[in-house]
Amino acid sequence: MTRRKRRNHSAEFKAKAALAALKGDQTLAELSVQFYEETRMRWIYCEIVP
């Protein structure tokens, strides 16, 4: 069984997530879904466009 590579998020991504959490407009569950989708879409885009 192969081990999955650990995700490394950029400082920009971390700052964006922290500011959104501090703003308090959304719950943590909503934020996690939002930022997971952004990360997933970026990964899919990188796979399609070399």
PDB file of N, CA and C in Angstrom:
ATOM      1  N   MET A   1       0.845  -1.171   0.000  1.00  0.00           N
ATOM      2  CA  MET A   1       0.000   0.000   0.000  1.00  0.00           C
ATOM      3  C   MET A   1       0.896   1.241   0.000  1.00  0.00           C
ATOM      4  N   THR A   2       0.626   2.137  -0.920  1.00  0.00           N
ATOM      5  CA  THR A   2       1.453   3.336  -1.017  1.00  0.00           C
ATOM      6  C   THR A   2       0.930   4.411  -0.070  1.00  0.00           C
ATOM      7  N   ARG A   3       1.851   5.189   0.407  1.00  0.00           N
ATOM      8  CA  ARG A   3       1.501   6.254   1.331  1.00  0.00           C
ATOM      9  C   ARG A   3       1.175   7.521   0.548  1.00  0.00           C
ATOM     10  N   ARG A   4       0.094   8.184   0.930  1.00  0.00           N
ATOM     11  CA  ARG A   4      -0.326   9.394   0.240  1.00  0.00           C
ATOM     12  C   ARG A   4       0.575  10.560   0.627  1.00  0.00           C
ATOM     13  N   LYS A   5       0.932  11.358  -0.356  1.00  0.00           N
ATOM     14  CA  LYS A   5       1.798  12.508  -0.135  1.00  0.00           C
ATOM     15  C   LYS A   5       1.072  13.567   0.701  1.00  0.00           C
ATOM     16  N   ARG A   6       1.795  14.152   1.627  1.00  0.00           N
ATOM     17  CA  ARG A   6       1.224  15.181   2.494  1.00  0.00           C
ATOM     18  C   ARG A   6       0.976  16.454   1.703  1.00  0.00           C
ATOM     19  N   ARG A   7      -0.155  17.106   1.975  1.00  0.00           N
ATOM     20  CA  ARG A   7      -0.495  18.343   1.277  1.00  0.00           C
ATOM     21  C   ARG A   7       0.284  19.510   1.859  1.00  0.00           C
ATOM     22  N   ASN A   8       0.806  20.338   0.990  1.00  0.00           N
ATOM     23  CA  ASN A   8       1.495  21.554   1.399  1.00  0.00           C
ATOM     24  C   ASN A   8       0.737  22.739   0.826  1.00  0.00           C
ATOM     25  N   HIS A   9       0.232  23.580   1.715  1.00  0.00           N
ATOM     26  CA  HIS A   9      -0.516  24.749   1.271  1.00  0.00           C
ATOM     27  C   HIS A   9       0.391  25.973   1.301  1.00  0.00           C
ATOM     28  N   SER A  10       0.182  26.861   0.347  1.00  0.00           N
ATOM     29  CA  SER A  10       0.991  28.072   0.253  1.00  0.00           C
ATOM     30  C   SER A  10       0.621  29.044   1.377  1.00  0.00           C
ATOM     31  N   ALA A  11       1.503  29.983   1.620  1.00  0.00           N
ATOM     32  CA  ALA A  11       1.249  31.003   2.632  1.00  0.00           C
ATOM     33  C   ALA A  11       0.021  31.836   2.251  1.00  0.00           C
ATOM     34  N   GLU A  12      -0.155  32.069   0.970  1.00  0.00           N
ATOM     35  CA  GLU A  12      -1.311  32.825   0.490  1.00  0.00           C
ATOM     36  C   GLU A  12      -2.616  32.103   0.837  1.00  0.00           C
ATOM     37  N   PHE A  13      -2.644  30.793   0.610  1.00  0.00           N
ATOM     38  CA  PHE A  13      -3.828  29.991   0.907  1.00  0.00           C
ATOM     39  C   PHE A  13      -4.128  30.007   2.405  1.00  0.00           C
ATOM     40  N   LYS A  14      -3.083  29.848   3.224  1.00  0.00           N
ATOM     41  CA  LYS A  14      -3.257  29.832   4.683  1.00  0.00           C
ATOM     42  C   LYS A  14      -3.774  31.175   5.191  1.00  0.00           C
ATOM     43  N   ALA A  15      -3.235  32.267   4.648  1.00  0.00           N
ATOM     44  CA  ALA A  15      -3.670  33.594   5.067  1.00  0.00           C
ATOM     45  C   ALA A  15      -5.125  33.831   4.668  1.00  0.00           C
ATOM     46  N   LYS A  16      -5.487  33.400   3.475  1.00  0.00           N
ATOM     47  CA  LYS A  16      -6.853  33.563   2.986  1.00  0.00           C
ATOM     48  C   LYS A  16      -7.835  32.791   3.870  1.00  0.00           C
ATOM     49  N   ALA A  17      -7.471  31.581   4.246  1.00  0.00           N
ATOM     50  CA  ALA A  17      -8.324  30.759   5.100  1.00  0.00           C
ATOM     51  C   ALA A  17      -8.432  31.358   6.501  1.00  0.00           C
ATOM     52  N   ALA A  18      -7.323  31.850   7.039  1.00  0.00           N
ATOM     53  CA  ALA A  18      -7.329  32.442   8.382  1.00  0.00           C
ATOM     54  C   ALA A  18      -8.184  33.705   8.422  1.00  0.00           C
ATOM     55  N   LEU A  19      -8.052  34.551   7.419  1.00  0.00           N
ATOM     56  CA  LEU A  19      -8.854  35.779   7.378  1.00  0.00           C
ATOM     57  C   LEU A  19     -10.346  35.475   7.249  1.00  0.00           C
ATOM     58  N   ALA A  20     -10.676  34.468   6.461  1.00  0.00           N
ATOM     59  CA  ALA A  20     -12.078  34.079   6.311  1.00  0.00           C
ATOM     60  C   ALA A  20     -12.627  33.550   7.635  1.00  0.00           C
ATOM     61  N   ALA A  21     -11.811  32.800   8.385  1.00  0.00           N
ATOM     62  CA  ALA A  21     -12.246  32.269   9.671  1.00  0.00           C
ATOM     63  C   ALA A  21     -12.425  33.388  10.693  1.00  0.00           C
ATOM     64  N   LEU A  22     -11.517  34.357  10.689  1.00  0.00           N
ATOM     65  CA  LEU A  22     -11.611  35.471  11.628  1.00  0.00           C
ATOM     66  C   LEU A  22     -12.798  36.381  11.335  1.00  0.00           C
ATOM     67  N   LYS A  23     -13.159  36.448  10.069  1.00  0.00           N
ATOM     68  CA  LYS A  23     -14.282  37.294   9.671  1.00  0.00           C
ATOM     69  C   LYS A  23     -15.567  36.819  10.353  1.00  0.00           C
ATOM     70  N   GLY A  24     -15.739  35.506  10.452  1.00  0.00           N
ATOM     71  CA  GLY A  24     -16.872  34.938  11.180  1.00  0.00           C
ATOM     72  C   GLY A  24     -18.183  34.903  10.423  1.00  0.00           C
ATOM     73  N   ASP A  25     -18.176  35.137   9.125  1.00  0.00           N
ATOM     74  CA  ASP A  25     -19.407  35.102   8.336  1.00  0.00           C
ATOM     75  C   ASP A  25     -19.904  33.681   8.095  1.00  0.00           C
ATOM     76  N   GLN A  26     -18.975  32.729   8.077  1.00  0.00           N
ATOM     77  CA  GLN A  26     -19.321  31.339   7.807  1.00  0.00           C
ATOM     78  C   GLN A  26     -18.823  30.466   8.953  1.00  0.00           C
ATOM     79  N   THR A  27     -19.449  29.301   9.087  1.00  0.00           N
ATOM     80  CA  THR A  27     -18.993  28.359  10.095  1.00  0.00           C
ATOM     81  C   THR A  27     -17.720  27.674   9.595  1.00  0.00           C
ATOM     82  N   LEU A  28     -17.017  27.008  10.490  1.00  0.00           N
ATOM     83  CA  LEU A  28     -15.801  26.300  10.087  1.00  0.00           C
ATOM     84  C   LEU A  28     -16.102  25.185   9.090  1.00  0.00           C
ATOM     85  N   ALA A  29     -17.250  24.541   9.243  1.00  0.00           N
ATOM     86  CA  ALA A  29     -17.636  23.490   8.305  1.00  0.00           C
ATOM     87  C   ALA A  29     -17.827  24.061   6.903  1.00  0.00           C
ATOM     88  N   GLU A  30     -18.473  25.212   6.809  1.00  0.00           N
ATOM     89  CA  GLU A  30     -18.682  25.856   5.507  1.00  0.00           C
ATOM     90  C   GLU A  30     -17.357  26.296   4.897  1.00  0.00           C
ATOM     91  N   LEU A  31     -16.462  26.814   5.730  1.00  0.00           N
ATOM     92  CA  LEU A  31     -15.152  27.240   5.231  1.00  0.00           C
ATOM     93  C   LEU A  31     -14.341  26.053   4.726  1.00  0.00           C
ATOM     94  N   SER A  32     -14.402  24.949   5.453  1.00  0.00           N
ATOM     95  CA  SER A  32     -13.625  23.782   5.027  1.00  0.00           C
ATOM     96  C   SER A  32     -14.106  23.260   3.686  1.00  0.00           C
ATOM     97  N   VAL A  33     -15.409  23.267   3.469  1.00  0.00           N
ATOM     98  CA  VAL A  33     -15.944  22.843   2.173  1.00  0.00           C
ATOM     99  C   VAL A  33     -15.491  23.797   1.083  1.00  0.00           C
ATOM    100  N   GLN A  34     -15.582  25.088   1.348  1.00  0.00           N
ATOM    101  CA  GLN A  34     -15.198  26.101   0.358  1.00  0.00           C
ATOM    102  C   GLN A  34     -13.727  25.958  -0.029  1.00  0.00           C
ATOM    103  N   PHE A  35     -12.846  25.863   0.947  1.00  0.00           N
ATOM    104  CA  PHE A  35     -11.424  25.809   0.643  1.00  0.00           C
ATOM    105  C   PHE A  35     -11.003  24.448   0.092  1.00  0.00           C
ATOM    106  N   TYR A  36     -11.701  23.381   0.476  1.00  0.00           N
ATOM    107  CA  TYR A  36     -11.407  22.074  -0.107  1.00  0.00           C
ATOM    108  C   TYR A  36     -11.745  22.085  -1.597  1.00  0.00           C
ATOM    109  N   GLU A  37     -12.879  22.682  -1.943  1.00  0.00           N
ATOM    110  CA  GLU A  37     -13.286  22.743  -3.351  1.00  0.00           C
ATOM    111  C   GLU A  37     -12.294  23.555  -4.170  1.00  0.00           C
ATOM    112  N   GLU A  38     -11.797  24.669  -3.621  1.00  0.00           N
ATOM    113  CA  GLU A  38     -10.810  25.476  -4.339  1.00  0.00           C
ATOM    114  C   GLU A  38      -9.534  24.681  -4.576  1.00  0.00           C
ATOM    115  N   THR A  39      -9.088  23.963  -3.560  1.00  0.00           N
ATOM    116  CA  THR A  39      -7.877  23.159  -3.682  1.00  0.00           C
ATOM    117  C   THR A  39      -8.076  22.040  -4.695  1.00  0.00           C
ATOM    118  N   ARG A  40      -9.231  21.390  -4.637  1.00  0.00           N
ATOM    119  CA  ARG A  40      -9.540  20.286  -5.553  1.00  0.00           C
ATOM    120  C   ARG A  40      -9.596  20.780  -6.996  1.00  0.00           C
ATOM    121  N   MET A  41     -10.222  21.940  -7.232  1.00  0.00           N
ATOM    122  CA  MET A  41     -10.321  22.471  -8.587  1.00  0.00           C
ATOM    123  C   MET A  41      -8.945  22.838  -9.125  1.00  0.00           C
ATOM    124  N   ARG A  42      -8.085  23.385  -8.276  1.00  0.00           N
ATOM    125  CA  ARG A  42      -6.729  23.736  -8.700  1.00  0.00           C
ATOM    126  C   ARG A  42      -5.962  22.475  -9.085  1.00  0.00           C
ATOM    127  N   TRP A  43      -6.135  21.391  -8.307  1.00  0.00           N
ATOM    128  CA  TRP A  43      -5.450  20.134  -8.587  1.00  0.00           C
ATOM    129  C   TRP A  43      -5.935  19.548  -9.914  1.00  0.00           C
ATOM    130  N   ILE A  44      -7.234  19.578 -10.139  1.00  0.00           N
ATOM    131  CA  ILE A  44      -7.795  19.055 -11.390  1.00  0.00           C
ATOM    132  C   ILE A  44      -7.273  19.866 -12.570  1.00  0.00           C
ATOM    133  N   TYR A  45      -7.232  21.186 -12.436  1.00  0.00           N
ATOM    134  CA  TYR A  45      -6.753  22.049 -13.499  1.00  0.00           C
ATOM    135  C   TYR A  45      -5.300  21.726 -13.836  1.00  0.00           C
ATOM    136  N   CYS A  46      -4.472  21.521 -12.807  1.00  0.00           N
ATOM    137  CA  CYS A  46      -3.054  21.212 -13.030  1.00  0.00           C
ATOM    138  C   CYS A  46      -2.876  19.864 -13.711  1.00  0.00           C
ATOM    139  N   GLU A  47      -3.778  18.936 -13.453  1.00  0.00           N
ATOM    140  CA  GLU A  47      -3.707  17.628 -14.105  1.00  0.00           C
ATOM    141  C   GLU A  47      -4.086  17.734 -15.582  1.00  0.00           C
ATOM    142  N   ILE A  48      -5.055  18.587 -15.908  1.00  0.00           N
ATOM    143  CA  ILE A  48      -5.524  18.709 -17.289  1.00  0.00           C
ATOM    144  C   ILE A  48      -4.575  19.556 -18.122  1.00  0.00           C
ATOM    145  N   VAL A  49      -4.151  20.689 -17.564  1.00  0.00           N
ATOM    146  CA  VAL A  49      -3.285  21.610 -18.286  1.00  0.00           C
ATOM    147  C   VAL A  49      -1.848  21.407 -17.833  1.00  0.00           C
ATOM    148  N   PRO A  50      -1.017  20.859 -18.706  1.00  0.00           N
ATOM    149  CA  PRO A  50       0.378  20.585 -18.275  1.00  0.00           C
ATOM    150  C   PRO A  50       1.215  21.826 -18.092  1.00  0.00           C
TER     151      PRO A  50
END
